[in-house]
Structures are given as structure tokens and as C-alpha cells.
Amino acid sequence: MGFVLYFFIDEVEVFTGIPWLTVEIFAFVLTSVPLVWIIYDKITGKKK
């Protein structure tokens, strides 16, 4: 999955001219936010 994502990011850079690092950071943030929320839920002990 990660390999496909990085390949896609590389293609996006080629087509848009956006610096690869910027796109990589943006993708990292997008994938990190859900993980942070999941961990936060476990730490706070909210049981649904």
C-alpha cells in the first residue's frame, strides 16, 4: 500500500510540478491524523 502511495505521489509531482517533499509531507499528515485520533481514543479510554 505504501509503495503504491509513493508511486502515485511521484506521478502527481510529474504532472503538477509540485515539489515532491511538499506532497510527501501532505500525504504523511493525511495518513497520520486518523492514527493520532485512534491512539487518542485508546488513551482517553472512551468506550463506545
PDB file of N, CA and C in Angstrom:
ATOM      1  N   MET A   1       0.841  -1.203   0.000  1.00  0.00           N
ATOM      2  CA  MET A   1       0.000   0.000   0.000  1.00  0.00           C
ATOM      3  C   MET A   1       0.871   1.247   0.000  1.00  0.00           C
ATOM      4  N   GLY A   2       1.879   1.235   0.872  1.00  0.00           N
ATOM      5  CA  GLY A   2       2.777   2.384   0.944  1.00  0.00           C
ATOM      6  C   GLY A   2       3.513   2.607  -0.367  1.00  0.00           C
ATOM      7  N   PHE A   3       3.936   1.501  -1.001  1.00  0.00           N
ATOM      8  CA  PHE A   3       4.665   1.612  -2.268  1.00  0.00           C
ATOM      9  C   PHE A   3       3.790   2.247  -3.338  1.00  0.00           C
ATOM     10  N   VAL A   4       2.526   1.813  -3.388  1.00  0.00           N
ATOM     11  CA  VAL A   4       1.577   2.361  -4.364  1.00  0.00           C
ATOM     12  C   VAL A   4       1.378   3.846  -4.115  1.00  0.00           C
ATOM     13  N   LEU A   5       1.271   4.228  -2.835  1.00  0.00           N
ATOM     14  CA  LEU A   5       1.064   5.627  -2.467  1.00  0.00           C
ATOM     15  C   LEU A   5       2.234   6.477  -2.918  1.00  0.00           C
ATOM     16  N   TYR A   6       3.460   5.992  -2.671  1.00  0.00           N
ATOM     17  CA  TYR A   6       4.639   6.760  -3.061  1.00  0.00           C
ATOM     18  C   TYR A   6       4.762   6.856  -4.580  1.00  0.00           C
ATOM     19  N   PHE A   7       4.394   5.795  -5.278  1.00  0.00           N
ATOM     20  CA  PHE A   7       4.413   5.822  -6.739  1.00  0.00           C
ATOM     21  C   PHE A   7       3.431   6.866  -7.248  1.00  0.00           C
ATOM     22  N   PHE A   8       2.243   6.898  -6.636  1.00  0.00           N
ATOM     23  CA  PHE A   8       1.213   7.869  -7.009  1.00  0.00           C
ATOM     24  C   PHE A   8       1.700   9.289  -6.743  1.00  0.00           C
ATOM     25  N   ILE A   9       2.350   9.496  -5.597  1.00  0.00           N
ATOM     26  CA  ILE A   9       2.882  10.821  -5.255  1.00  0.00           C
ATOM     27  C   ILE A   9       3.906  11.256  -6.294  1.00  0.00           C
ATOM     28  N   ASP A  10       4.757  10.327  -6.727  1.00  0.00           N
ATOM     29  CA  ASP A  10       5.779  10.640  -7.724  1.00  0.00           C
ATOM     30  C   ASP A  10       5.118  11.057  -9.037  1.00  0.00           C
ATOM     31  N   GLU A  11       4.045  10.376  -9.420  1.00  0.00           N
ATOM     32  CA  GLU A  11       3.309  10.719 -10.638  1.00  0.00           C
ATOM     33  C   GLU A  11       2.673  12.100 -10.512  1.00  0.00           C
ATOM     34  N   VAL A  12       2.122  12.395  -9.341  1.00  0.00           N
ATOM     35  CA  VAL A  12       1.492  13.699  -9.099  1.00  0.00           C
ATOM     36  C   VAL A  12       2.512  14.808  -9.286  1.00  0.00           C
ATOM     37  N   GLU A  13       3.733  14.581  -8.785  1.00  0.00           N
ATOM     38  CA  GLU A  13       4.790  15.586  -8.917  1.00  0.00           C
ATOM     39  C   GLU A  13       5.095  15.847 -10.385  1.00  0.00           C
ATOM     40  N   VAL A  14       5.158  14.782 -11.173  1.00  0.00           N
ATOM     41  CA  VAL A  14       5.477  14.917 -12.594  1.00  0.00           C
ATOM     42  C   VAL A  14       4.412  15.751 -13.303  1.00  0.00           C
ATOM     43  N   PHE A  15       3.146  15.499 -12.983  1.00  0.00           N
ATOM     44  CA  PHE A  15       2.055  16.178 -13.690  1.00  0.00           C
ATOM     45  C   PHE A  15       1.819  17.602 -13.202  1.00  0.00           C
ATOM     46  N   THR A  16       2.002  17.845 -11.901  1.00  0.00           N
ATOM     47  CA  THR A  16       1.627  19.146 -11.335  1.00  0.00           C
ATOM     48  C   THR A  16       2.818  20.068 -11.138  1.00  0.00           C
ATOM     49  N   GLY A  17       4.030  19.491 -11.013  1.00  0.00           N
ATOM     50  CA  GLY A  17       5.208  20.303 -10.768  1.00  0.00           C
ATOM     51  C   GLY A  17       5.353  20.705  -9.307  1.00  0.00           C
ATOM     52  N   ILE A  18       4.482  20.149  -8.434  1.00  0.00           N
ATOM     53  CA  ILE A  18       4.595  20.422  -7.001  1.00  0.00           C
ATOM     54  C   ILE A  18       5.824  19.685  -6.463  1.00  0.00           C
ATOM     55  N   PRO A  19       6.651  20.359  -5.661  1.00  0.00           N
ATOM     56  CA  PRO A  19       7.828  19.689  -5.093  1.00  0.00           C
ATOM     57  C   PRO A  19       7.432  18.401  -4.375  1.00  0.00           C
ATOM     58  N   TRP A  20       8.227  17.345  -4.599  1.00  0.00           N
ATOM     59  CA  TRP A  20       7.895  16.023  -4.075  1.00  0.00           C
ATOM     60  C   TRP A  20       7.807  16.038  -2.560  1.00  0.00           C
ATOM     61  N   LEU A  21       8.713  16.777  -1.907  1.00  0.00           N
ATOM     62  CA  LEU A  21       8.749  16.792  -0.444  1.00  0.00           C
ATOM     63  C   LEU A  21       7.454  17.361   0.120  1.00  0.00           C
ATOM     64  N   THR A  22       6.942  18.414  -0.510  1.00  0.00           N
ATOM     65  CA  THR A  22       5.691  19.026  -0.051  1.00  0.00           C
ATOM     66  C   THR A  22       4.540  18.033  -0.126  1.00  0.00           C
ATOM     67  N   VAL A  23       4.449  17.322  -1.243  1.00  0.00           N
ATOM     68  CA  VAL A  23       3.385  16.331  -1.417  1.00  0.00           C
ATOM     69  C   VAL A  23       3.555  15.194  -0.424  1.00  0.00           C
ATOM     70  N   GLU A  24       4.811  14.793  -0.183  1.00  0.00           N
ATOM     71  CA  GLU A  24       5.082  13.702   0.746  1.00  0.00           C
ATOM     72  C   GLU A  24       4.647  14.076   2.154  1.00  0.00           C
ATOM     73  N   ILE A  25       4.980  15.292   2.574  1.00  0.00           N
ATOM     74  CA  ILE A  25       4.591  15.763   3.906  1.00  0.00           C
ATOM     75  C   ILE A  25       3.067  15.816   4.020  1.00  0.00           C
ATOM     76  N   PHE A  26       2.407  16.320   2.979  1.00  0.00           N
ATOM     77  CA  PHE A  26       0.946  16.409   2.973  1.00  0.00           C
ATOM     78  C   PHE A  26       0.316  15.021   3.109  1.00  0.00           C
ATOM     79  N   ALA A  27       0.851  14.051   2.359  1.00  0.00           N
ATOM     80  CA  ALA A  27       0.336  12.687   2.422  1.00  0.00           C
ATOM     81  C   ALA A  27       0.594  12.081   3.799  1.00  0.00           C
ATOM     82  N   PHE A  28       1.775  12.378   4.369  1.00  0.00           N
ATOM     83  CA  PHE A  28       2.118  11.869   5.698  1.00  0.00           C
ATOM     84  C   PHE A  28       1.143  12.402   6.743  1.00  0.00           C
ATOM     85  N   VAL A  29       0.823  13.688   6.650  1.00  0.00           N
ATOM     86  CA  VAL A  29      -0.128  14.295   7.587  1.00  0.00           C
ATOM     87  C   VAL A  29      -1.506  13.654   7.442  1.00  0.00           C
ATOM     88  N   LEU A  30      -1.930  13.463   6.192  1.00  0.00           N
ATOM     89  CA  LEU A  30      -3.248  12.865   5.938  1.00  0.00           C
ATOM     90  C   LEU A  30      -3.352  11.466   6.534  1.00  0.00           C
ATOM     91  N   THR A  31      -2.257  10.684   6.439  1.00  0.00           N
ATOM     92  CA  THR A  31      -2.295   9.320   6.954  1.00  0.00           C
ATOM     93  C   THR A  31      -2.075   9.281   8.459  1.00  0.00           C
ATOM     94  N   SER A  32      -1.439  10.325   9.016  1.00  0.00           N
ATOM     95  CA  SER A  32      -1.127  10.344  10.442  1.00  0.00           C
ATOM     96  C   SER A  32      -2.321  10.761  11.292  1.00  0.00           C
ATOM     97  N   VAL A  33      -3.127  11.693  10.787  1.00  0.00           N
ATOM     98  CA  VAL A  33      -4.242  12.230  11.575  1.00  0.00           C
ATOM     99  C   VAL A  33      -5.196  11.138  12.075  1.00  0.00           C
ATOM    100  N   PRO A  34      -5.648  10.201  11.214  1.00  0.00           N
ATOM    101  CA  PRO A  34      -6.531   9.141  11.722  1.00  0.00           C
ATOM    102  C   PRO A  34      -5.855   8.293  12.794  1.00  0.00           C
ATOM    103  N   LEU A  35      -4.566   7.986  12.628  1.00  0.00           N
ATOM    104  CA  LEU A  35      -3.832   7.208  13.621  1.00  0.00           C
ATOM    105  C   LEU A  35      -3.790   7.938  14.952  1.00  0.00           C
ATOM    106  N   VAL A  36      -3.543   9.249  14.903  1.00  0.00           N
ATOM    107  CA  VAL A  36      -3.498  10.047  16.132  1.00  0.00           C
ATOM    108  C   VAL A  36      -4.838   9.993  16.857  1.00  0.00           C
ATOM    109  N   TRP A  37      -5.926  10.101  16.117  1.00  0.00           N
ATOM    110  CA  TRP A  37      -7.256  10.055  16.736  1.00  0.00           C
ATOM    111  C   TRP A  37      -7.525   8.698  17.364  1.00  0.00           C
ATOM    112  N   ILE A  38      -7.112   7.615  16.684  1.00  0.00           N
ATOM    113  CA  ILE A  38      -7.315   6.263  17.216  1.00  0.00           C
ATOM    114  C   ILE A  38      -6.537   6.086  18.514  1.00  0.00           C
ATOM    115  N   ILE A  39      -5.265   6.515  18.505  1.00  0.00           N
ATOM    116  CA  ILE A  39      -4.425   6.407  19.700  1.00  0.00           C
ATOM    117  C   ILE A  39      -5.006   7.263  20.823  1.00  0.00           C
ATOM    118  N   TYR A  40      -5.455   8.462  20.489  1.00  0.00           N
ATOM    119  CA  TYR A  40      -6.044   9.369  21.484  1.00  0.00           C
ATOM    120  C   TYR A  40      -7.281   8.736  22.122  1.00  0.00           C
ATOM    121  N   ASP A  41      -8.109   8.091  21.303  1.00  0.00           N
ATOM    122  CA  ASP A  41      -9.297   7.417  21.828  1.00  0.00           C
ATOM    123  C   ASP A  41      -8.913   6.308  22.797  1.00  0.00           C
ATOM    124  N   LYS A  42      -7.875   5.539  22.463  1.00  0.00           N
ATOM    125  CA  LYS A  42      -7.446   4.441  23.328  1.00  0.00           C
ATOM    126  C   LYS A  42      -6.888   4.980  24.644  1.00  0.00           C
ATOM    127  N   ILE A  43      -6.125   6.062  24.571  1.00  0.00           N
ATOM    128  CA  ILE A  43      -5.519   6.637  25.776  1.00  0.00           C
ATOM    129  C   ILE A  43      -6.596   7.213  26.697  1.00  0.00           C
ATOM    130  N   THR A  44      -7.557   7.911  26.132  1.00  0.00           N
ATOM    131  CA  THR A  44      -8.595   8.540  26.952  1.00  0.00           C
ATOM    132  C   THR A  44      -9.613   7.517  27.446  1.00  0.00           C
ATOM    133  N   GLY A  45      -9.596   6.332  26.843  1.00  0.00           N
ATOM    134  CA  GLY A  45     -10.446   5.244  27.321  1.00  0.00           C
ATOM    135  C   GLY A  45     -11.917   5.442  27.017  1.00  0.00           C
ATOM    136  N   LYS A  46     -12.213   6.084  25.894  1.00  0.00           N
ATOM    137  CA  LYS A  46     -13.615   6.251  25.511  1.00  0.00           C
ATOM    138  C   LYS A  46     -14.129   4.939  24.927  1.00  0.00           C
ATOM    139  N   LYS A  47     -15.094   4.334  25.620  1.00  0.00           N
ATOM    140  CA  LYS A  47     -15.662   3.094  25.114  1.00  0.00           C
ATOM    141  C   LYS A  47     -17.003   3.418  24.476  1.00  0.00           C
ATOM    142  N   LYS A  48     -17.187   2.955  23.237  1.00  0.00           N
ATOM    143  CA  LYS A  48     -18.436   3.298  22.551  1.00  0.00           C
ATOM    144  C   LYS A  48     -19.436   2.157  22.732  1.00  0.00           C
TER     145      LYS A  48
END
